[in-house]
N, C-alpha and C. Protein backbone atom coordinates (compact mmCIF):
# COMPACT_ATOMS: atom_id res chain seq x y z
N UNK A 1 151.15 -48.55 -33.60
CA UNK A 1 150.11 -48.75 -34.58
C UNK A 1 150.66 -47.53 -35.52
N UNK A 2 151.24 -47.93 -36.85
CA UNK A 2 151.47 -46.89 -37.86
C UNK A 2 150.11 -46.70 -38.77
N UNK A 3 149.31 -47.98 -39.17
CA UNK A 3 147.96 -47.29 -40.04
C UNK A 3 146.93 -47.67 -39.08
N UNK A 4 145.92 -47.76 -39.69
CA UNK A 4 144.18 -48.31 -39.01
C UNK A 4 143.41 -49.18 -40.05
N UNK A 5 142.94 -49.88 -39.69
CA UNK A 5 142.40 -50.62 -40.49
C UNK A 5 140.87 -50.21 -39.97
N UNK A 6 139.76 -50.24 -40.97
CA UNK A 6 138.52 -49.54 -40.72
C UNK A 6 137.55 -49.95 -41.70
N UNK A 7 136.36 -50.26 -41.71
CA UNK A 7 135.41 -50.59 -42.64
C UNK A 7 135.49 -49.28 -43.57
N UNK A 8 135.32 -49.80 -45.13
CA UNK A 8 135.10 -49.25 -46.18
C UNK A 8 134.06 -48.07 -46.10
N UNK A 9 134.48 -47.02 -46.75
CA UNK A 9 133.25 -46.00 -46.85
C UNK A 9 133.17 -45.48 -48.40
N UNK A 10 132.12 -45.53 -48.39
CA UNK A 10 131.21 -45.24 -50.18
C UNK A 10 132.02 -44.03 -50.54
N UNK A 11 132.34 -42.97 -49.81
CA UNK A 11 133.29 -42.13 -50.25
C UNK A 11 134.38 -41.93 -50.44
N UNK A 12 135.42 -43.15 -50.06
CA UNK A 12 136.44 -43.80 -50.47
C UNK A 12 136.74 -44.28 -51.93
N UNK A 13 135.59 -43.82 -52.48
CA UNK A 13 135.92 -44.51 -54.37
C UNK A 13 136.48 -43.54 -54.89
N UNK A 14 137.00 -42.35 -54.57
CA UNK A 14 137.95 -41.18 -55.41
C UNK A 14 139.24 -41.92 -55.29
N UNK A 15 139.28 -41.84 -53.91
CA UNK A 15 140.97 -42.19 -53.27
C UNK A 15 141.16 -43.60 -53.73
N UNK A 16 140.30 -44.63 -53.92
CA UNK A 16 140.63 -45.66 -54.13
C UNK A 16 140.64 -46.03 -55.62
N UNK A 17 140.02 -45.53 -56.54
CA UNK A 17 140.04 -45.27 -57.87
C UNK A 17 141.80 -44.94 -58.19
N UNK A 18 142.09 -43.83 -57.57
CA UNK A 18 143.48 -43.43 -57.53
C UNK A 18 144.43 -44.58 -57.72
N UNK A 19 144.48 -45.39 -56.45
CA UNK A 19 145.51 -46.12 -55.81
C UNK A 19 145.37 -47.30 -56.95
N UNK A 20 144.25 -47.64 -57.55
CA UNK A 20 144.09 -48.80 -58.30
C UNK A 20 144.62 -48.68 -59.70
N UNK A 21 144.55 -47.38 -60.28
CA UNK A 21 145.04 -46.71 -61.72
C UNK A 21 146.84 -47.01 -61.65
N UNK A 22 147.32 -48.22 -61.47
CA UNK A 22 148.51 -48.55 -61.25
C UNK A 22 149.31 -49.74 -61.64
N UNK A 23 149.63 -50.10 -62.90
CA UNK A 23 150.01 -51.64 -62.93
C UNK A 23 151.12 -52.18 -61.93
N UNK A 24 151.75 -51.40 -61.21
CA UNK A 24 153.14 -52.08 -60.55
C UNK A 24 152.28 -52.58 -59.59
N UNK A 25 151.09 -52.07 -58.62
CA UNK A 25 150.00 -52.74 -58.03
C UNK A 25 149.79 -53.60 -58.81
N UNK A 26 148.36 -53.63 -59.44
CA UNK A 26 147.93 -54.75 -60.25
C UNK A 26 148.89 -56.30 -60.96
N UNK A 27 149.86 -55.56 -61.18
CA UNK A 27 150.83 -56.84 -61.24
C UNK A 27 150.79 -57.73 -60.35
N UNK A 28 150.61 -57.23 -59.34
CA UNK A 28 150.94 -58.40 -58.06
C UNK A 28 149.83 -58.89 -57.32
N UNK A 29 148.48 -58.49 -58.05
CA UNK A 29 146.85 -59.40 -57.56
C UNK A 29 146.66 -59.48 -58.76
N UNK A 30 145.67 -60.67 -58.31
CA UNK A 30 144.83 -61.56 -58.89
C UNK A 30 144.14 -60.76 -59.88
N UNK A 31 143.99 -61.22 -61.53
CA UNK A 31 143.35 -61.16 -62.20
C UNK A 31 141.68 -60.23 -61.81
N UNK A 32 140.83 -59.79 -62.78
CA UNK A 32 139.29 -59.68 -62.23
C UNK A 32 139.51 -57.95 -62.16
N UNK A 33 140.40 -57.56 -62.02
CA UNK A 33 140.32 -55.78 -61.77
C UNK A 33 140.39 -55.33 -63.19
N UNK A 34 139.64 -54.42 -63.26
CA UNK A 34 139.76 -53.25 -64.79
C UNK A 34 140.60 -52.78 -64.54
N UNK A 35 141.08 -52.41 -65.85
CA UNK A 35 142.25 -51.14 -65.70
C UNK A 35 142.07 -50.16 -67.26
N UNK A 36 141.63 -49.19 -67.00
CA UNK A 36 141.61 -48.01 -65.93
C UNK A 36 140.83 -48.65 -65.16
N UNK A 37 141.13 -48.14 -63.64
CA UNK A 37 139.91 -48.64 -62.52
C UNK A 37 139.37 -47.31 -62.08
N UNK A 38 138.17 -47.00 -62.58
CA UNK A 38 137.15 -46.10 -61.90
C UNK A 38 136.64 -45.70 -60.96
N UNK A 39 136.21 -44.82 -60.79
CA UNK A 39 135.35 -44.55 -59.25
C UNK A 39 134.02 -45.35 -59.42
N UNK A 40 133.67 -45.58 -60.63
CA UNK A 40 132.47 -46.47 -60.32
C UNK A 40 132.76 -47.89 -59.62
N UNK A 41 134.02 -48.55 -60.61
CA UNK A 41 134.55 -49.37 -60.04
C UNK A 41 134.66 -49.53 -58.57
N UNK A 42 135.50 -48.68 -58.31
CA UNK A 42 135.67 -48.52 -56.67
C UNK A 42 134.20 -48.53 -56.01
N UNK A 43 133.23 -47.67 -56.20
CA UNK A 43 131.84 -47.79 -55.83
C UNK A 43 131.22 -49.33 -55.72
N UNK A 44 131.69 -49.91 -56.78
CA UNK A 44 130.85 -51.39 -56.75
C UNK A 44 131.89 -52.08 -55.98
N UNK A 45 132.85 -52.15 -55.73
CA UNK A 45 134.06 -53.21 -55.05
C UNK A 45 133.59 -52.53 -53.43
N UNK A 46 133.73 -51.14 -53.55
CA UNK A 46 133.24 -50.79 -51.48
C UNK A 46 132.06 -51.10 -51.29
N UNK A 47 131.00 -51.12 -52.19
CA UNK A 47 129.61 -51.88 -51.75
C UNK A 47 129.47 -53.15 -51.72
N UNK A 48 129.98 -54.00 -52.48
CA UNK A 48 129.87 -55.54 -52.19
C UNK A 48 130.96 -55.91 -50.86
N UNK A 49 131.66 -54.48 -50.47
CA UNK A 49 132.38 -55.34 -49.06
C UNK A 49 131.30 -55.21 -47.78
N UNK A 50 130.54 -53.94 -48.17
CA UNK A 50 129.85 -53.67 -47.41
C UNK A 50 128.76 -54.57 -47.20
N UNK A 51 128.02 -55.11 -48.03
CA UNK A 51 126.63 -55.88 -48.33
C UNK A 51 127.41 -57.41 -48.00
N UNK A 52 128.60 -57.78 -47.90
CA UNK A 52 129.45 -58.89 -48.20
C UNK A 52 128.69 -59.77 -46.44
N UNK A 53 129.20 -61.40 -46.52
CA UNK A 53 128.38 -61.90 -45.45
C UNK A 53 129.63 -61.62 -44.49
N UNK A 54 129.10 -61.10 -43.32
CA UNK A 54 130.40 -60.56 -42.15
C UNK A 54 130.95 -61.67 -41.74
N UNK A 55 130.66 -62.83 -42.08
CA UNK A 55 130.95 -64.22 -41.13
C UNK A 55 131.91 -64.57 -42.29
N UNK A 56 132.19 -64.50 -43.21
CA UNK A 56 132.94 -64.79 -44.77
C UNK A 56 134.11 -64.21 -45.09
N UNK A 57 133.82 -62.54 -44.83
CA UNK A 57 134.47 -62.01 -45.53
C UNK A 57 134.99 -60.84 -44.44
N UNK A 58 136.58 -60.61 -44.33
CA UNK A 58 136.85 -59.36 -43.06
C UNK A 58 137.38 -58.38 -43.82
N UNK A 59 136.76 -57.68 -44.52
CA UNK A 59 137.33 -56.46 -45.91
C UNK A 59 137.58 -55.23 -44.84
N UNK A 60 138.52 -54.49 -45.12
CA UNK A 60 139.34 -53.30 -44.38
C UNK A 60 139.66 -52.23 -45.67
N UNK A 61 139.14 -51.08 -45.23
CA UNK A 61 140.70 -50.30 -45.95
C UNK A 61 141.36 -49.86 -44.75
N UNK A 62 142.88 -49.50 -45.61
CA UNK A 62 143.70 -49.41 -44.78
C UNK A 62 144.16 -47.71 -44.75
N UNK A 63 144.18 -47.16 -43.75
CA UNK A 63 144.46 -45.87 -43.27
C UNK A 63 145.58 -44.94 -42.69
N UNK A 64 146.17 -43.97 -43.46
CA UNK A 64 147.58 -43.78 -43.02
C UNK A 64 147.49 -42.30 -42.79
N UNK A 65 147.86 -41.57 -41.70
CA UNK A 65 147.69 -40.31 -41.51
C UNK A 65 146.37 -39.45 -42.00
N UNK A 66 145.43 -40.65 -42.21
CA UNK A 66 144.13 -39.69 -42.41
C UNK A 66 144.01 -40.23 -43.72
N UNK A 67 144.41 -40.55 -44.61
CA UNK A 67 144.50 -40.79 -45.82
C UNK A 67 144.11 -42.52 -46.39
N UNK A 68 143.08 -42.89 -46.96
CA UNK A 68 143.18 -44.40 -47.74
C UNK A 68 144.47 -44.51 -48.74
N UNK A 69 145.31 -45.85 -47.96
CA UNK A 69 146.15 -45.83 -48.74
C UNK A 69 146.31 -47.48 -49.09
N UNK A 70 145.23 -48.23 -48.74
CA UNK A 70 145.24 -49.46 -49.45
C UNK A 70 144.16 -50.28 -48.70
N UNK A 71 144.22 -51.61 -49.34
CA UNK A 71 143.04 -52.56 -49.28
C UNK A 71 143.55 -53.90 -48.00
N UNK A 72 142.89 -54.59 -47.42
CA UNK A 72 143.09 -55.72 -47.09
C UNK A 72 142.00 -56.51 -46.83
N UNK A 73 142.29 -57.80 -46.73
CA UNK A 73 140.97 -59.03 -46.58
C UNK A 73 141.22 -59.79 -46.55
N UNK A 74 140.61 -60.54 -45.55
CA UNK A 74 140.56 -62.18 -45.10
C UNK A 74 139.32 -62.91 -45.60
N UNK A 75 139.50 -63.83 -46.29
CA UNK A 75 138.53 -64.38 -46.91
C UNK A 75 138.05 -65.52 -46.46
N UNK A 76 137.42 -66.26 -45.75
CA UNK A 76 137.13 -67.71 -45.34
C UNK A 76 136.60 -68.47 -46.25
N UNK A 77 137.29 -69.65 -46.25
CA UNK A 77 136.98 -70.86 -47.08
C UNK A 77 136.08 -71.50 -47.14
N UNK A 78 135.41 -72.67 -47.75
CA UNK A 78 134.37 -73.41 -47.63
C UNK A 78 134.88 -74.83 -47.33
N UNK A 79 133.99 -75.62 -47.39
CA UNK A 79 133.84 -77.44 -46.92
C UNK A 79 134.67 -77.29 -45.76
N UNK A 80 135.47 -78.31 -46.00
CA UNK A 80 136.43 -78.76 -44.84
C UNK A 80 137.50 -77.90 -44.55
N UNK A 81 137.70 -76.55 -45.38
CA UNK A 81 138.57 -75.47 -45.20
C UNK A 81 137.72 -74.38 -44.65
N UNK A 82 136.23 -74.76 -43.90
CA UNK A 82 135.89 -73.64 -43.36
C UNK A 82 136.48 -72.86 -42.49
N UNK A 83 137.31 -73.37 -41.73
CA UNK A 83 138.49 -73.09 -40.64
C UNK A 83 139.49 -72.12 -41.01
N UNK A 84 139.57 -71.58 -42.27
CA UNK A 84 140.84 -71.42 -43.09
C UNK A 84 140.37 -70.31 -43.71
N UNK A 85 141.44 -69.26 -44.11
CA UNK A 85 141.13 -68.40 -44.47
C UNK A 85 142.17 -67.51 -45.11
N UNK A 86 142.28 -66.97 -46.68
CA UNK A 86 143.17 -66.35 -47.43
C UNK A 86 142.83 -64.86 -47.33
N UNK A 87 144.23 -64.26 -47.07
CA UNK A 87 144.80 -63.26 -47.00
C UNK A 87 145.29 -62.41 -47.99
N UNK A 88 144.39 -61.22 -48.50
CA UNK A 88 144.63 -60.57 -49.73
C UNK A 88 145.17 -58.79 -49.36
N UNK A 89 145.88 -58.02 -49.71
CA UNK A 89 146.47 -56.95 -49.67
C UNK A 89 146.86 -56.01 -50.42
N UNK A 90 147.03 -55.07 -50.21
CA UNK A 90 148.05 -54.21 -51.16
C UNK A 90 147.83 -52.70 -50.69
N UNK A 91 149.36 -51.87 -50.81
CA UNK A 91 149.29 -50.45 -50.67
C UNK A 91 149.96 -50.01 -51.61
N UNK A 92 149.18 -48.54 -51.80
CA UNK A 92 149.22 -47.40 -52.62
C UNK A 92 150.91 -47.45 -52.99
N UNK A 93 151.19 -47.15 -54.26
CA UNK A 93 152.81 -47.09 -54.30
C UNK A 93 153.32 -45.81 -53.58
N UNK A 94 153.06 -45.10 -53.51
CA UNK A 94 153.38 -43.73 -52.83
C UNK A 94 153.47 -44.01 -51.08
N UNK A 95 153.36 -45.25 -50.68
CA UNK A 95 152.81 -45.51 -49.33
C UNK A 95 153.84 -46.91 -48.96
N UNK A 96 154.49 -47.25 -49.92
CA UNK A 96 155.54 -48.65 -49.92
C UNK A 96 156.56 -48.24 -48.80
N UNK A 97 157.06 -49.04 -48.34
CA UNK A 97 158.30 -48.96 -47.00
C UNK A 97 158.15 -47.85 -46.05
N UNK A 98 156.89 -47.91 -45.37
CA UNK A 98 156.86 -47.04 -44.25
C UNK A 98 156.25 -48.17 -43.23
N UNK A 99 156.03 -49.44 -43.46
CA UNK A 99 155.33 -50.40 -42.25
C UNK A 99 154.16 -50.49 -42.05
N UNK A 100 153.41 -50.11 -43.20
CA UNK A 100 152.40 -50.18 -43.34
C UNK A 100 151.55 -51.35 -43.38
N UNK A 101 152.01 -52.19 -44.57
CA UNK A 101 151.51 -53.57 -44.56
C UNK A 101 151.66 -54.38 -43.43
N UNK A 102 152.89 -54.30 -42.76
CA UNK A 102 153.35 -55.17 -41.73
C UNK A 102 152.31 -54.59 -40.76
N UNK A 103 151.62 -53.48 -40.36
CA UNK A 103 151.04 -52.95 -39.19
C UNK A 103 149.71 -53.57 -39.44
N UNK A 104 149.16 -53.36 -40.65
CA UNK A 104 147.47 -53.66 -41.56
C UNK A 104 147.60 -55.07 -41.11
N UNK A 105 148.58 -56.20 -41.74
CA UNK A 105 148.59 -57.53 -41.32
C UNK A 105 148.51 -58.06 -40.19
N UNK A 106 149.42 -57.48 -39.33
CA UNK A 106 149.06 -58.22 -37.61
C UNK A 106 147.74 -57.77 -37.08
N UNK A 107 147.33 -56.35 -37.63
CA UNK A 107 146.05 -55.98 -36.97
C UNK A 107 144.91 -56.93 -37.77
N UNK A 108 144.62 -57.16 -38.77
CA UNK A 108 143.36 -57.78 -39.34
C UNK A 108 143.86 -59.62 -39.09
N UNK A 109 145.32 -59.71 -39.05
CA UNK A 109 145.47 -61.16 -38.11
C UNK A 109 144.79 -61.13 -36.69
N UNK A 110 144.90 -60.77 -36.11
CA UNK A 110 144.67 -60.52 -34.65
C UNK A 110 142.71 -60.17 -34.39
N UNK A 111 142.27 -59.61 -35.43
CA UNK A 111 140.86 -59.55 -35.16
C UNK A 111 140.34 -60.62 -36.01
N UNK A 112 140.85 -61.29 -36.77
CA UNK A 112 140.28 -62.71 -37.26
C UNK A 112 140.24 -63.73 -36.45
N UNK A 113 141.67 -63.72 -35.66
CA UNK A 113 141.79 -64.73 -34.33
C UNK A 113 141.47 -64.35 -33.11
N UNK A 114 140.69 -63.09 -33.11
CA UNK A 114 140.14 -62.95 -31.77
C UNK A 114 138.47 -62.99 -31.84
N UNK A 115 138.07 -62.96 -33.25
CA UNK A 115 136.52 -62.50 -33.34
C UNK A 115 136.17 -63.77 -34.03
N UNK A 116 136.74 -64.67 -34.66
CA UNK A 116 136.14 -65.60 -35.47
C UNK A 116 136.66 -67.25 -35.11
N UNK A 117 135.79 -68.06 -35.31
CA UNK A 117 136.75 -69.32 -35.23
C UNK A 117 137.93 -70.14 -36.64
N UNK A 118 138.12 -69.00 -37.34
CA UNK A 118 139.24 -69.07 -38.20
C UNK A 118 140.60 -69.45 -37.25
N UNK A 119 141.05 -70.56 -37.79
CA UNK A 119 142.28 -70.87 -36.95
C UNK A 119 143.80 -70.82 -37.75
N UNK A 120 143.54 -70.89 -39.50
CA UNK A 120 144.68 -70.72 -40.24
C UNK A 120 144.18 -69.56 -41.14
N UNK A 121 145.27 -68.78 -41.54
CA UNK A 121 145.16 -67.82 -42.08
C UNK A 121 146.58 -67.83 -43.27
N UNK A 122 145.91 -67.69 -44.43
CA UNK A 122 147.17 -68.22 -45.71
C UNK A 122 147.43 -67.18 -46.67
N UNK A 123 148.35 -66.81 -47.29
CA UNK A 123 148.84 -66.34 -48.55
C UNK A 123 149.33 -66.48 -49.42
N UNK A 124 149.27 -66.30 -50.82
CA UNK A 124 150.01 -66.93 -51.96
C UNK A 124 150.38 -65.64 -52.80
N UNK A 125 151.86 -65.14 -52.57
CA UNK A 125 151.93 -64.04 -53.24
C UNK A 125 153.38 -64.91 -54.30
N UNK A 126 153.30 -64.28 -55.49
CA UNK A 126 153.80 -64.70 -56.16
C UNK A 126 155.62 -64.47 -55.94
N UNK A 127 156.35 -65.66 -56.13
CA UNK A 127 157.66 -65.58 -56.10
C UNK A 127 158.57 -64.03 -56.31
N UNK A 128 158.24 -63.68 -57.62
CA UNK A 128 158.59 -62.20 -57.87
C UNK A 128 158.46 -61.16 -56.84
N UNK A 129 157.29 -61.32 -55.78
CA UNK A 129 157.18 -60.34 -55.40
C UNK A 129 157.82 -60.00 -54.04
N UNK A 130 159.07 -59.69 -53.91
CA UNK A 130 160.09 -59.43 -53.42
C UNK A 130 159.81 -58.65 -52.12
N UNK A 131 158.71 -58.06 -51.94
CA UNK A 131 158.44 -57.09 -50.88
C UNK A 131 157.59 -57.61 -49.98
N UNK A 132 156.43 -58.86 -50.51
CA UNK A 132 155.41 -59.36 -50.03
C UNK A 132 155.69 -60.28 -49.01
N UNK A 133 156.93 -61.25 -49.34
CA UNK A 133 157.47 -62.12 -48.64
C UNK A 133 157.99 -61.71 -47.07
N UNK A 134 158.57 -60.93 -47.43
CA UNK A 134 159.35 -60.69 -46.07
C UNK A 134 158.34 -59.73 -45.05
N UNK A 135 157.50 -59.47 -45.72
CA UNK A 135 156.32 -58.82 -44.61
C UNK A 135 155.52 -59.69 -43.81
N UNK A 136 155.06 -60.99 -44.83
CA UNK A 136 154.18 -61.78 -44.29
C UNK A 136 155.30 -62.57 -42.85
N UNK A 137 156.53 -62.83 -43.59
CA UNK A 137 157.42 -63.49 -42.31
C UNK A 137 157.43 -62.54 -40.95
N UNK A 138 157.33 -60.98 -41.39
CA UNK A 138 157.54 -60.34 -40.05
C UNK A 138 156.56 -60.33 -39.59
N UNK A 139 155.21 -60.70 -40.13
CA UNK A 139 154.06 -61.00 -39.03
C UNK A 139 153.56 -62.15 -38.66
N UNK A 140 154.74 -63.33 -38.70
CA UNK A 140 154.80 -64.50 -38.19
C UNK A 140 154.18 -65.41 -38.83
N UNK A 141 153.98 -65.29 -40.51
CA UNK A 141 153.99 -65.97 -41.19
C UNK A 141 154.72 -66.99 -41.46
N UNK A 142 154.72 -68.37 -41.83
CA UNK A 142 156.01 -69.50 -41.84
C UNK A 142 155.75 -70.00 -43.65
N UNK A 143 156.68 -69.54 -44.34
CA UNK A 143 156.82 -70.20 -45.73
C UNK A 143 156.57 -71.34 -45.69
N UNK A 144 155.53 -72.15 -46.37
CA UNK A 144 154.93 -73.82 -46.39
C UNK A 144 155.99 -74.46 -47.49
N UNK A 145 156.06 -73.63 -48.68
CA UNK A 145 156.77 -73.88 -49.94
C UNK A 145 156.88 -73.04 -50.98
N UNK A 146 156.76 -73.60 -51.86
CA UNK A 146 156.71 -72.78 -53.58
C UNK A 146 155.70 -73.60 -54.48
N UNK A 147 154.69 -73.22 -54.78
CA UNK A 147 153.58 -73.86 -55.93
C UNK A 147 154.37 -73.31 -57.23
N UNK A 148 154.69 -74.34 -58.00
CA UNK A 148 155.53 -74.40 -58.99
C UNK A 148 154.03 -73.97 -60.25
N UNK A 149 154.84 -73.31 -60.84
CA UNK A 149 153.23 -73.08 -61.99
C UNK A 149 152.31 -72.88 -61.62
N UNK A 150 152.16 -72.35 -60.77
CA UNK A 150 151.17 -71.85 -60.25
C UNK A 150 149.82 -71.43 -60.56
N UNK A 151 150.10 -70.19 -61.73
CA UNK A 151 149.14 -69.34 -61.99
C UNK A 151 149.96 -68.61 -63.03
N UNK A 152 149.11 -67.84 -64.51
CA UNK A 152 149.28 -67.24 -65.32
C UNK A 152 148.58 -66.14 -65.27
N UNK A 153 149.81 -65.17 -65.08
CA UNK A 153 149.57 -63.96 -65.19
C UNK A 153 150.28 -62.67 -65.95
N UNK A 154 149.26 -61.72 -66.56
CA UNK A 154 150.10 -61.01 -67.58
C UNK A 154 150.56 -61.99 -68.87
N UNK A 155 149.88 -63.26 -69.00
CA UNK A 155 150.63 -64.20 -70.60
C UNK A 155 151.71 -64.53 -70.01
N UNK A 156 152.12 -64.94 -68.59
CA UNK A 156 153.39 -65.42 -68.10
C UNK A 156 152.86 -66.58 -66.71
N UNK A 157 153.69 -67.61 -66.86
CA UNK A 157 153.30 -68.71 -65.74
C UNK A 157 154.22 -68.67 -64.66
N UNK A 158 153.56 -68.16 -63.55
CA UNK A 158 154.20 -67.95 -62.41
C UNK A 158 154.46 -68.76 -60.89
N UNK A 159 155.26 -68.64 -60.52
CA UNK A 159 155.15 -69.43 -59.23
C UNK A 159 154.89 -68.59 -57.96
N UNK A 160 154.46 -69.40 -57.36
CA UNK A 160 153.64 -68.62 -56.00
C UNK A 160 154.25 -69.05 -54.57
N UNK A 161 154.60 -68.52 -53.33
CA UNK A 161 155.19 -69.02 -52.49
C UNK A 161 153.66 -69.28 -51.49
N UNK A 162 153.73 -70.16 -50.68
CA UNK A 162 151.95 -70.25 -49.49
C UNK A 162 152.79 -69.90 -48.27
N UNK A 163 152.28 -68.87 -47.22
CA UNK A 163 152.98 -68.64 -46.30
C UNK A 163 151.65 -68.91 -45.50
N UNK A 164 151.88 -69.35 -44.31
CA UNK A 164 150.28 -69.54 -43.10
C UNK A 164 150.91 -69.08 -41.86
N UNK A 165 149.67 -68.54 -41.36
CA UNK A 165 149.93 -68.14 -39.85
C UNK A 165 148.83 -69.14 -38.99
N UNK A 166 148.93 -69.57 -38.04
CA UNK A 166 148.03 -70.17 -37.60
C UNK A 166 148.00 -69.73 -36.03
N UNK A 167 146.55 -69.95 -35.90
CA UNK A 167 145.78 -69.15 -34.29
C UNK A 167 146.54 -70.24 -33.09
N UNK A 168 147.32 -69.37 -32.39
CA UNK A 168 147.94 -70.21 -30.98
C UNK A 168 146.54 -70.83 -30.64
N UNK A 169 146.64 -72.16 -30.59
CA UNK A 169 145.69 -73.02 -29.46
C UNK A 169 145.77 -73.39 -28.06
N UNK A 170 144.96 -72.87 -27.34
CA UNK A 170 144.99 -73.10 -25.93
C UNK A 170 144.54 -74.57 -25.49
N UNK A 171 145.25 -75.34 -24.79
CA UNK A 171 144.85 -76.59 -24.56
C UNK A 171 144.35 -76.22 -22.90
């Protein structure tokens, strides 16, 4: 195991604010994160993850060599998709290319499939995100297609890939 996923701690706020004050990371995430990202922003996020519905949100800090290096979460969908969940994650730029994302994704998928009734986890990286797509594939996600003109990020219309991993069903 390259990294450890663990529950968030309020004292992660300082390290988290440093990680997210990086346009290279923010450019690959959904909108909604402030820039610059302050310790107060981090405290609000951490508190919301600690207080969330534990049957719908599975959010973890990613630790590597005793240091906070990223975030990963699986978010249950609703209505007819209640057994489906979306995966989101990021790793601090100083920790890229160390196998951390692959390890964290594998761990969180195992956790969700073992501990919940969720049967499908999906992710939607931007097509231009050349790092995320191979990581998902290494973790057993299948590319189901390209979502053309699926998002507007930084004023640019973006295509996205859709990847999914389905829990192995025992008959």
